[in-house]
Amino acid sequence: QLAARARRMRVIAITDADYLARVHATAELA
């Protein structure tokens, strides 16, 4: 259970970074 939760949190962190990069790149382009 702990390993699955840690892996899920790692995926969320990676995904959050991707989302932030998308928003930042679009804002710069705008």
PDB file of all heavy atoms in Angstrom:
ATOM      1  N   GLN A   1       0.829  -1.201   0.000  1.00  0.00           N
ATOM      2  CA  GLN A   1       0.000   0.000   0.000  1.00  0.00           C
ATOM      3  C   GLN A   1       0.867   1.257   0.000  1.00  0.00           C
ATOM      4  O   GLN A   1       0.598   2.206  -0.740  1.00  0.00           O
ATOM      5  CB  GLN A   1      -0.908   0.004   1.238  1.00  0.00           C
ATOM      6  CG  GLN A   1      -1.940  -1.103   1.270  1.00  0.00           C
ATOM      7  CD  GLN A   1      -2.996  -0.948   0.191  1.00  0.00           C
ATOM      8  OE1 GLN A   1      -3.444   0.148  -0.089  1.00  0.00           O
ATOM      9  NE2 GLN A   1      -3.376  -2.039  -0.427  1.00  0.00           N
ATOM     10  N   LEU A   2       1.906   1.265   0.832  1.00  0.00           N
ATOM     11  CA  LEU A   2       2.782   2.430   0.909  1.00  0.00           C
ATOM     12  C   LEU A   2       3.533   2.650  -0.403  1.00  0.00           C
ATOM     13  O   LEU A   2       3.692   3.789  -0.864  1.00  0.00           O
ATOM     14  CB  LEU A   2       3.775   2.254   2.062  1.00  0.00           C
ATOM     15  CG  LEU A   2       3.174   2.267   3.471  1.00  0.00           C
ATOM     16  CD1 LEU A   2       4.256   1.970   4.507  1.00  0.00           C
ATOM     17  CD2 LEU A   2       2.513   3.608   3.767  1.00  0.00           C
ATOM     18  N   ALA A   3       3.990   1.552  -1.011  1.00  0.00           N
ATOM     19  CA  ALA A   3       4.719   1.674  -2.281  1.00  0.00           C
ATOM     20  C   ALA A   3       3.806   2.203  -3.380  1.00  0.00           C
ATOM     21  O   ALA A   3       4.206   3.041  -4.190  1.00  0.00           O
ATOM     22  CB  ALA A   3       5.306   0.321  -2.682  1.00  0.00           C
ATOM     23  N   ALA A   4       2.563   1.712  -3.401  1.00  0.00           N
ATOM     24  CA  ALA A   4       1.611   2.188  -4.411  1.00  0.00           C
ATOM     25  C   ALA A   4       1.313   3.664  -4.212  1.00  0.00           C
ATOM     26  O   ALA A   4       1.228   4.435  -5.176  1.00  0.00           O
ATOM     27  CB  ALA A   4       0.323   1.368  -4.341  1.00  0.00           C
ATOM     28  N   ARG A   5       1.163   4.085  -2.961  1.00  0.00           N
ATOM     29  CA  ARG A   5       0.878   5.501  -2.690  1.00  0.00           C
ATOM     30  C   ARG A   5       2.061   6.371  -3.083  1.00  0.00           C
ATOM     31  O   ARG A   5       1.880   7.456  -3.666  1.00  0.00           O
ATOM     32  CB  ARG A   5       0.559   5.685  -1.210  1.00  0.00           C
ATOM     33  CG  ARG A   5       0.241   7.122  -0.821  1.00  0.00           C
ATOM     34  CD  ARG A   5      -0.174   7.224   0.634  1.00  0.00           C
ATOM     35  NE  ARG A   5      -1.374   6.453   0.916  1.00  0.00           N
ATOM     36  CZ  ARG A   5      -1.919   6.350   2.114  1.00  0.00           C
ATOM     37  NH1 ARG A   5      -1.350   6.951   3.155  1.00  0.00           N
ATOM     38  NH2 ARG A   5      -3.013   5.646   2.299  1.00  0.00           N
ATOM     39  N   ALA A   6       3.272   5.922  -2.767  1.00  0.00           N
ATOM     40  CA  ALA A   6       4.464   6.699  -3.125  1.00  0.00           C
ATOM     41  C   ALA A   6       4.590   6.822  -4.633  1.00  0.00           C
ATOM     42  O   ALA A   6       4.936   7.894  -5.158  1.00  0.00           O
ATOM     43  CB  ALA A   6       5.712   6.027  -2.543  1.00  0.00           C
ATOM     44  N   ARG A   7       4.303   5.738  -5.348  1.00  0.00           N
ATOM     45  CA  ARG A   7       4.378   5.788  -6.807  1.00  0.00           C
ATOM     46  C   ARG A   7       3.326   6.729  -7.372  1.00  0.00           C
ATOM     47  O   ARG A   7       3.587   7.492  -8.307  1.00  0.00           O
ATOM     48  CB  ARG A   7       4.207   4.374  -7.380  1.00  0.00           C
ATOM     49  CG  ARG A   7       4.410   4.293  -8.882  1.00  0.00           C
ATOM     50  CD  ARG A   7       4.422   2.850  -9.362  1.00  0.00           C
ATOM     51  NE  ARG A   7       3.208   2.157  -9.003  1.00  0.00           N
ATOM     52  CZ  ARG A   7       3.117   1.271  -8.014  1.00  0.00           C
ATOM     53  NH1 ARG A   7       4.172   0.976  -7.293  1.00  0.00           N
ATOM     54  NH2 ARG A   7       1.975   0.670  -7.747  1.00  0.00           N
ATOM     55  N   ARG A   8       2.108   6.706  -6.797  1.00  0.00           N
ATOM     56  CA  ARG A   8       1.047   7.591  -7.266  1.00  0.00           C
ATOM     57  C   ARG A   8       1.420   9.054  -7.023  1.00  0.00           C
ATOM     58  O   ARG A   8       1.179   9.914  -7.879  1.00  0.00           O
ATOM     59  CB  ARG A   8      -0.260   7.263  -6.550  1.00  0.00           C
ATOM     60  CG  ARG A   8      -1.445   8.081  -7.056  1.00  0.00           C
ATOM     61  CD  ARG A   8      -2.746   7.582  -6.482  1.00  0.00           C
ATOM     62  NE  ARG A   8      -2.839   7.743  -5.044  1.00  0.00           N
ATOM     63  CZ  ARG A   8      -2.766   6.746  -4.166  1.00  0.00           C
ATOM     64  NH1 ARG A   8      -2.611   5.498  -4.581  1.00  0.00           N
ATOM     65  NH2 ARG A   8      -2.863   6.971  -2.879  1.00  0.00           N
ATOM     66  N   MET A   9       2.016   9.350  -5.866  1.00  0.00           N
ATOM     67  CA  MET A   9       2.419  10.723  -5.583  1.00  0.00           C
ATOM     68  C   MET A   9       3.516  11.177  -6.540  1.00  0.00           C
ATOM     69  O   MET A   9       3.559  12.339  -6.954  1.00  0.00           O
ATOM     70  CB  MET A   9       2.906  10.838  -4.136  1.00  0.00           C
ATOM     71  CG  MET A   9       1.810  10.607  -3.090  1.00  0.00           C
ATOM     72  SD  MET A   9       0.407  11.736  -3.286  1.00  0.00           S
ATOM     73  CE  MET A   9       1.210  13.305  -2.957  1.00  0.00           C
ATOM     74  N   ARG A  10       4.403  10.249  -6.913  1.00  0.00           N
ATOM     75  CA  ARG A  10       5.454  10.597  -7.863  1.00  0.00           C
ATOM     76  C   ARG A  10       4.856  10.919  -9.226  1.00  0.00           C
ATOM     77  O   ARG A  10       5.252  11.879  -9.894  1.00  0.00           O
ATOM     78  CB  ARG A  10       6.454   9.435  -7.983  1.00  0.00           C
ATOM     79  CG  ARG A  10       7.636   9.759  -8.884  1.00  0.00           C
ATOM     80  CD  ARG A  10       8.723   8.706  -8.754  1.00  0.00           C
ATOM     81  NE  ARG A  10       8.296   7.400  -9.222  1.00  0.00           N
ATOM     82  CZ  ARG A  10       8.085   6.353  -8.440  1.00  0.00           C
ATOM     83  NH1 ARG A  10       8.243   6.458  -7.130  1.00  0.00           N
ATOM     84  NH2 ARG A  10       7.717   5.187  -8.948  1.00  0.00           N
ATOM     85  N   VAL A  11       3.873  10.140  -9.644  1.00  0.00           N
ATOM     86  CA  VAL A  11       3.195  10.395 -10.927  1.00  0.00           C
ATOM     87  C   VAL A  11       2.479  11.734 -10.889  1.00  0.00           C
ATOM     88  O   VAL A  11       2.514  12.511 -11.852  1.00  0.00           O
ATOM     89  CB  VAL A  11       2.201   9.260 -11.238  1.00  0.00           C
ATOM     90  CG1 VAL A  11       1.324   9.628 -12.425  1.00  0.00           C
ATOM     91  CG2 VAL A  11       2.953   7.963 -11.527  1.00  0.00           C
ATOM     92  N   ILE A  12       1.808  12.038  -9.750  1.00  0.00           N
ATOM     93  CA  ILE A  12       1.109  13.314  -9.620  1.00  0.00           C
ATOM     94  C   ILE A  12       2.094  14.470  -9.710  1.00  0.00           C
ATOM     95  O   ILE A  12       1.824  15.486 -10.374  1.00  0.00           O
ATOM     96  CB  ILE A  12       0.334  13.356  -8.289  1.00  0.00           C
ATOM     97  CG1 ILE A  12      -0.850  12.383  -8.336  1.00  0.00           C
ATOM     98  CG2 ILE A  12      -0.155  14.774  -7.996  1.00  0.00           C
ATOM     99  CD1 ILE A  12      -1.576  12.249  -7.022  1.00  0.00           C
ATOM    100  N   ALA A  13       3.249  14.331  -9.069  1.00  0.00           N
ATOM    101  CA  ALA A  13       4.244  15.398  -9.110  1.00  0.00           C
ATOM    102  C   ALA A  13       4.741  15.632 -10.529  1.00  0.00           C
ATOM    103  O   ALA A  13       4.889  16.773 -10.979  1.00  0.00           O
ATOM    104  CB  ALA A  13       5.412  15.057  -8.185  1.00  0.00           C
ATOM    105  N   ILE A  14       4.994  14.539 -11.261  1.00  0.00           N
ATOM    106  CA  ILE A  14       5.449  14.659 -12.642  1.00  0.00           C
ATOM    107  C   ILE A  14       4.374  15.299 -13.499  1.00  0.00           C
ATOM    108  O   ILE A  14       4.632  16.171 -14.333  1.00  0.00           O
ATOM    109  CB  ILE A  14       5.842  13.279 -13.195  1.00  0.00           C
ATOM    110  CG1 ILE A  14       7.078  12.744 -12.460  1.00  0.00           C
ATOM    111  CG2 ILE A  14       6.124  13.349 -14.696  1.00  0.00           C
ATOM    112  CD1 ILE A  14       7.411  11.308 -12.789  1.00  0.00           C
ATOM    113  N   THR A  15       3.125  14.857 -13.280  1.00  0.00           N
ATOM    114  CA  THR A  15       2.009  15.405 -14.052  1.00  0.00           C
ATOM    115  C   THR A  15       1.814  16.879 -13.754  1.00  0.00           C
ATOM    116  O   THR A  15       1.570  17.686 -14.652  1.00  0.00           O
ATOM    117  CB  THR A  15       0.720  14.630 -13.736  1.00  0.00           C
ATOM    118  OG1 THR A  15       0.934  13.245 -14.004  1.00  0.00           O
ATOM    119  CG2 THR A  15      -0.436  15.121 -14.605  1.00  0.00           C
ATOM    120  N   ASP A  16       1.900  17.265 -12.477  1.00  0.00           N
ATOM    121  CA  ASP A  16       1.769  18.665 -12.107  1.00  0.00           C
ATOM    122  C   ASP A  16       2.821  19.516 -12.813  1.00  0.00           C
ATOM    123  O   ASP A  16       2.524  20.627 -13.272  1.00  0.00           O
ATOM    124  CB  ASP A  16       1.900  18.827 -10.596  1.00  0.00           C
ATOM    125  CG  ASP A  16       0.652  18.373  -9.851  1.00  0.00           C
ATOM    126  OD1 ASP A  16      -0.388  18.164 -10.499  1.00  0.00           O
ATOM    127  OD2 ASP A  16       0.736  18.228  -8.630  1.00  0.00           O
ATOM    128  N   ALA A  17       4.041  19.013 -12.888  1.00  0.00           N
ATOM    129  CA  ALA A  17       5.109  19.756 -13.553  1.00  0.00           C
ATOM    130  C   ALA A  17       4.788  19.932 -15.037  1.00  0.00           C
ATOM    131  O   ALA A  17       5.025  21.003 -15.617  1.00  0.00           O
ATOM    132  CB  ALA A  17       6.439  19.027 -13.371  1.00  0.00           C
ATOM    133  N   ASP A  18       4.232  18.909 -15.651  1.00  0.00           N
ATOM    134  CA  ASP A  18       3.856  18.992 -17.066  1.00  0.00           C
ATOM    135  C   ASP A  18       2.754  20.021 -17.268  1.00  0.00           C
ATOM    136  O   ASP A  18       2.798  20.831 -18.198  1.00  0.00           O
ATOM    137  CB  ASP A  18       3.406  17.619 -17.561  1.00  0.00           C
ATOM    138  CG  ASP A  18       2.905  17.658 -18.994  1.00  0.00           C
ATOM    139  OD1 ASP A  18       3.716  17.925 -19.902  1.00  0.00           O
ATOM    140  OD2 ASP A  18       1.696  17.441 -19.219  1.00  0.00           O
ATOM    141  N   TYR A  19       1.745  20.000 -16.388  1.00  0.00           N
ATOM    142  CA  TYR A  19       0.655  20.966 -16.493  1.00  0.00           C
ATOM    143  C   TYR A  19       1.183  22.394 -16.352  1.00  0.00           C
ATOM    144  O   TYR A  19       0.802  23.297 -17.098  1.00  0.00           O
ATOM    145  CB  TYR A  19      -0.398  20.705 -15.416  1.00  0.00           C
ATOM    146  CG  TYR A  19      -1.188  19.422 -15.604  1.00  0.00           C
ATOM    147  CD1 TYR A  19      -1.876  18.849 -14.533  1.00  0.00           C
ATOM    148  CD2 TYR A  19      -1.250  18.792 -16.841  1.00  0.00           C
ATOM    149  CE1 TYR A  19      -2.605  17.679 -14.701  1.00  0.00           C
ATOM    150  CE2 TYR A  19      -1.977  17.617 -17.010  1.00  0.00           C
ATOM    151  CZ  TYR A  19      -2.647  17.073 -15.936  1.00  0.00           C
ATOM    152  OH  TYR A  19      -3.376  15.925 -16.102  1.00  0.00           O
ATOM    153  N   LEU A  20       2.051  22.596 -15.363  1.00  0.00           N
ATOM    154  CA  LEU A  20       2.601  23.924 -15.129  1.00  0.00           C
ATOM    155  C   LEU A  20       3.401  24.400 -16.338  1.00  0.00           C
ATOM    156  O   LEU A  20       3.323  25.582 -16.726  1.00  0.00           O
ATOM    157  CB  LEU A  20       3.483  23.899 -13.879  1.00  0.00           C
ATOM    158  CG  LEU A  20       4.119  25.241 -13.470  1.00  0.00           C
ATOM    159  CD1 LEU A  20       3.035  26.275 -13.180  1.00  0.00           C
ATOM    160  CD2 LEU A  20       5.011  25.039 -12.247  1.00  0.00           C
ATOM    161  N   ALA A  21       4.139  23.484 -16.943  1.00  0.00           N
ATOM    162  CA  ALA A  21       4.933  23.841 -18.121  1.00  0.00           C
ATOM    163  C   ALA A  21       4.029  24.258 -19.282  1.00  0.00           C
ATOM    164  O   ALA A  21       4.340  25.209 -20.015  1.00  0.00           O
ATOM    165  CB  ALA A  21       5.816  22.658 -18.536  1.00  0.00           C
ATOM    166  N   ARG A  22       2.911  23.571 -19.448  1.00  0.00           N
ATOM    167  CA  ARG A  22       1.967  23.925 -20.516  1.00  0.00           C
ATOM    168  C   ARG A  22       1.411  25.337 -20.306  1.00  0.00           C
ATOM    169  O   ARG A  22       1.348  26.146 -21.239  1.00  0.00           O
ATOM    170  CB  ARG A  22       0.820  22.915 -20.566  1.00  0.00           C
ATOM    171  CG  ARG A  22       1.198  21.521 -21.035  1.00  0.00           C
ATOM    172  CD  ARG A  22      -0.016  20.595 -20.956  1.00  0.00           C
ATOM    173  NE  ARG A  22       0.315  19.210 -21.237  1.00  0.00           N
ATOM    174  CZ  ARG A  22       0.332  18.670 -22.448  1.00  0.00           C
ATOM    175  NH1 ARG A  22       0.028  19.417 -23.506  1.00  0.00           N
ATOM    176  NH2 ARG A  22       0.643  17.397 -22.626  1.00  0.00           N
ATOM    177  N   VAL A  23       0.976  25.602 -19.078  1.00  0.00           N
ATOM    178  CA  VAL A  23       0.391  26.912 -18.779  1.00  0.00           C
ATOM    179  C   VAL A  23       1.434  28.011 -18.953  1.00  0.00           C
ATOM    180  O   VAL A  23       1.154  29.077 -19.529  1.00  0.00           O
ATOM    181  CB  VAL A  23      -0.182  26.925 -17.354  1.00  0.00           C
ATOM    182  CG1 VAL A  23      -0.631  28.331 -16.960  1.00  0.00           C
ATOM    183  CG2 VAL A  23      -1.348  25.946 -17.240  1.00  0.00           C
ATOM    184  N   HIS A  24       2.651  27.759 -18.473  1.00  0.00           N
ATOM    185  CA  HIS A  24       3.712  28.763 -18.557  1.00  0.00           C
ATOM    186  C   HIS A  24       4.082  29.046 -20.010  1.00  0.00           C
ATOM    187  O   HIS A  24       4.233  30.213 -20.410  1.00  0.00           O
ATOM    188  CB  HIS A  24       4.937  28.272 -17.779  1.00  0.00           C
ATOM    189  CG  HIS A  24       6.054  29.276 -17.723  1.00  0.00           C
ATOM    190  ND1 HIS A  24       7.127  29.244 -18.577  1.00  0.00           N
ATOM    191  CD2 HIS A  24       6.247  30.356 -16.913  1.00  0.00           C
ATOM    192  CE1 HIS A  24       7.948  30.238 -18.308  1.00  0.00           C
ATOM    193  NE2 HIS A  24       7.432  30.935 -17.295  1.00  0.00           N
ATOM    194  N   ALA A  25       4.219  27.996 -20.813  1.00  0.00           N
ATOM    195  CA  ALA A  25       4.582  28.183 -22.224  1.00  0.00           C
ATOM    196  C   ALA A  25       3.502  28.950 -22.968  1.00  0.00           C
ATOM    197  O   ALA A  25       3.800  29.817 -23.803  1.00  0.00           O
ATOM    198  CB  ALA A  25       4.809  26.821 -22.878  1.00  0.00           C
ATOM    199  N   THR A  26       2.236  28.663 -22.667  1.00  0.00           N
ATOM    200  CA  THR A  26       1.133  29.364 -23.333  1.00  0.00           C
ATOM    201  C   THR A  26       1.085  30.822 -22.912  1.00  0.00           C
ATOM    202  O   THR A  26       0.839  31.717 -23.738  1.00  0.00           O
ATOM    203  CB  THR A  26      -0.206  28.669 -23.008  1.00  0.00           C
ATOM    204  OG1 THR A  26      -0.125  27.291 -23.378  1.00  0.00           O
ATOM    205  CG2 THR A  26      -1.349  29.317 -23.776  1.00  0.00           C
ATOM    206  N   ALA A  27       1.339  31.090 -21.634  1.00  0.00           N
ATOM    207  CA  ALA A  27       1.346  32.472 -21.146  1.00  0.00           C
ATOM    208  C   ALA A  27       2.461  33.277 -21.817  1.00  0.00           C
ATOM    209  O   ALA A  27       2.258  34.446 -22.206  1.00  0.00           O
ATOM    210  CB  ALA A  27       1.513  32.485 -19.634  1.00  0.00           C
ATOM    211  N   GLU A  28       3.635  32.668 -21.957  1.00  0.00           N
ATOM    212  CA  GLU A  28       4.741  33.358 -22.626  1.00  0.00           C
ATOM    213  C   GLU A  28       4.409  33.644 -24.084  1.00  0.00           C
ATOM    214  O   GLU A  28       4.690  34.727 -24.608  1.00  0.00           O
ATOM    215  CB  GLU A  28       6.016  32.516 -22.538  1.00  0.00           C
ATOM    216  CG  GLU A  28       6.697  32.541 -21.181  1.00  0.00           C
ATOM    217  CD  GLU A  28       8.080  31.932 -21.231  1.00  0.00           C
ATOM    218  OE1 GLU A  28       8.313  31.077 -22.115  1.00  0.00           O
ATOM    219  OE2 GLU A  28       8.921  32.316 -20.404  1.00  0.00           O
ATOM    220  N   LEU A  29       3.791  32.658 -24.742  1.00  0.00           N
ATOM    221  CA  LEU A  29       3.417  32.846 -26.138  1.00  0.00           C
ATOM    222  C   LEU A  29       2.376  33.950 -26.278  1.00  0.00           C
ATOM    223  O   LEU A  29       2.430  34.758 -27.220  1.00  0.00           O
ATOM    224  CB  LEU A  29       2.884  31.536 -26.718  1.00  0.00           C
ATOM    225  CG  LEU A  29       2.474  31.571 -28.193  1.00  0.00           C
ATOM    226  CD1 LEU A  29       3.688  31.869 -29.078  1.00  0.00           C
ATOM    227  CD2 LEU A  29       1.835  30.241 -28.601  1.00  0.00           C
ATOM    228  N   ALA A  30       1.433  34.005 -25.356  1.00  0.00           N
ATOM    229  CA  ALA A  30       0.391  35.034 -25.408  1.00  0.00           C
ATOM    230  C   ALA A  30       0.985  36.430 -25.308  1.00  0.00           C
ATOM    231  O   ALA A  30       0.454  37.388 -25.890  1.00  0.00           O
ATOM    232  CB  ALA A  30      -0.620  34.810 -24.290  1.00  0.00           C
TER     233      ALA A  30
END
